[in-house]
């Protein structure tokens, strides 16, 4: 039982990390797009 619990917590933490990483990547990408747009407008 203890081994199963450990693998479950590891899987859940990996999924949470992937979700958080994907969310931050999406936010960072949109921020980069806004920055590149303003840079091209400045030129």
N, C-alpha and C. Protein backbone atom coordinates (compact mmCIF):
# COMPACT_ATOMS: atom_id res chain seq x y z
N UNK A 1 0.84 -1.21 0.00
CA UNK A 1 0.00 0.00 0.00
C UNK A 1 0.87 1.26 0.00
N UNK A 2 1.94 1.23 0.80
CA UNK A 2 2.79 2.42 0.91
C UNK A 2 3.42 2.74 -0.45
N UNK A 3 3.85 1.71 -1.19
CA UNK A 3 4.46 1.92 -2.50
C UNK A 3 3.45 2.54 -3.45
N UNK A 4 2.22 2.03 -3.43
CA UNK A 4 1.17 2.56 -4.31
C UNK A 4 0.91 4.03 -3.98
N UNK A 5 0.86 4.38 -2.68
CA UNK A 5 0.62 5.77 -2.28
C UNK A 5 1.75 6.66 -2.79
N UNK A 6 3.00 6.17 -2.69
CA UNK A 6 4.13 6.97 -3.15
C UNK A 6 4.04 7.23 -4.65
N UNK A 7 3.74 6.21 -5.43
CA UNK A 7 3.65 6.39 -6.88
C UNK A 7 2.50 7.33 -7.23
N UNK A 8 1.40 7.24 -6.50
CA UNK A 8 0.26 8.13 -6.75
C UNK A 8 0.65 9.58 -6.49
N UNK A 9 1.32 9.84 -5.36
CA UNK A 9 1.71 11.22 -5.05
C UNK A 9 2.71 11.73 -6.08
N UNK A 10 3.63 10.87 -6.54
CA UNK A 10 4.60 11.27 -7.55
C UNK A 10 3.88 11.61 -8.85
N UNK A 11 2.94 10.77 -9.27
CA UNK A 11 2.18 11.02 -10.50
C UNK A 11 1.39 12.31 -10.39
N UNK A 12 0.73 12.53 -9.26
CA UNK A 12 -0.09 13.75 -9.07
C UNK A 12 0.81 14.98 -9.11
N UNK A 13 1.96 14.92 -8.44
CA UNK A 13 2.86 16.09 -8.42
C UNK A 13 3.40 16.36 -9.82
N UNK A 14 3.72 15.31 -10.60
CA UNK A 14 4.21 15.49 -11.97
C UNK A 14 3.12 16.15 -12.82
N UNK A 15 1.88 15.69 -12.68
CA UNK A 15 0.77 16.27 -13.45
C UNK A 15 0.59 17.74 -13.08
N UNK A 16 0.65 18.05 -11.77
CA UNK A 16 0.50 19.44 -11.32
C UNK A 16 1.63 20.29 -11.90
N UNK A 17 2.87 19.76 -11.87
CA UNK A 17 4.01 20.51 -12.41
C UNK A 17 3.82 20.77 -13.90
N UNK A 18 3.34 19.77 -14.64
CA UNK A 18 3.12 19.93 -16.08
C UNK A 18 2.06 21.00 -16.33
N UNK A 19 0.97 20.94 -15.55
CA UNK A 19 -0.12 21.92 -15.73
C UNK A 19 0.38 23.33 -15.42
N UNK A 20 1.11 23.48 -14.30
CA UNK A 20 1.63 24.79 -13.92
C UNK A 20 2.62 25.28 -14.99
N UNK A 21 3.51 24.41 -15.43
CA UNK A 21 4.50 24.78 -16.44
C UNK A 21 3.82 25.19 -17.74
N UNK A 22 2.79 24.46 -18.15
CA UNK A 22 2.06 24.80 -19.37
C UNK A 22 1.38 26.16 -19.22
N UNK A 23 0.77 26.39 -18.06
CA UNK A 23 0.10 27.67 -17.81
C UNK A 23 1.09 28.83 -17.86
N UNK A 24 2.24 28.67 -17.17
CA UNK A 24 3.24 29.74 -17.19
C UNK A 24 3.79 29.94 -18.60
N UNK A 25 4.00 28.85 -19.34
CA UNK A 25 4.49 28.96 -20.72
C UNK A 25 3.51 29.74 -21.58
N UNK A 26 2.22 29.48 -21.41
CA UNK A 26 1.20 30.18 -22.20
C UNK A 26 1.19 31.67 -21.84
N UNK A 27 1.25 31.98 -20.53
CA UNK A 27 1.27 33.38 -20.09
C UNK A 27 2.53 34.07 -20.61
N UNK A 28 3.68 33.41 -20.48
CA UNK A 28 4.93 34.00 -20.94
C UNK A 28 4.91 34.22 -22.45
N UNK A 29 4.32 33.29 -23.19
CA UNK A 29 4.25 33.42 -24.64
C UNK A 29 3.41 34.63 -25.03
N UNK A 30 2.26 34.80 -24.37
CA UNK A 30 1.40 35.95 -24.68
C UNK A 30 2.10 37.25 -24.31
N UNK A 31 2.85 37.26 -23.19
CA UNK A 31 3.60 38.46 -22.80
C UNK A 31 4.66 38.77 -23.86
N UNK A 32 5.37 37.73 -24.33
CA UNK A 32 6.39 37.94 -25.36
C UNK A 32 5.74 38.48 -26.64
N UNK A 33 4.57 37.97 -27.00
CA UNK A 33 3.88 38.45 -28.19
C UNK A 33 3.53 39.93 -28.05
N UNK A 34 3.04 40.33 -26.88
CA UNK A 34 2.70 41.74 -26.64
C UNK A 34 3.97 42.59 -26.74
N UNK A 35 5.07 42.12 -26.14
CA UNK A 35 6.32 42.88 -26.17
C UNK A 35 6.82 43.03 -27.61
N UNK A 36 6.81 41.95 -28.38
CA UNK A 36 7.30 42.01 -29.77
C UNK A 36 6.42 42.95 -30.59
N UNK A 37 5.10 42.96 -30.33
CA UNK A 37 4.21 43.87 -31.05
C UNK A 37 4.57 45.31 -30.74
N UNK A 38 4.79 45.65 -29.47
CA UNK A 38 5.11 47.02 -29.10
C UNK A 38 6.47 47.41 -29.68
N UNK A 39 7.42 46.45 -29.73
CA UNK A 39 8.75 46.75 -30.28
C UNK A 39 8.63 47.07 -31.76
N UNK A 40 7.86 46.29 -32.50
CA UNK A 40 7.71 46.54 -33.94
C UNK A 40 6.98 47.87 -34.16
N UNK A 41 6.03 48.22 -33.29
CA UNK A 41 5.33 49.49 -33.44
C UNK A 41 6.28 50.66 -33.17
N UNK A 42 7.18 50.49 -32.20
CA UNK A 42 8.13 51.56 -31.87
C UNK A 42 9.03 51.84 -33.07
N UNK A 43 9.41 50.78 -33.80
CA UNK A 43 10.26 50.97 -34.97
C UNK A 43 9.47 51.64 -36.09
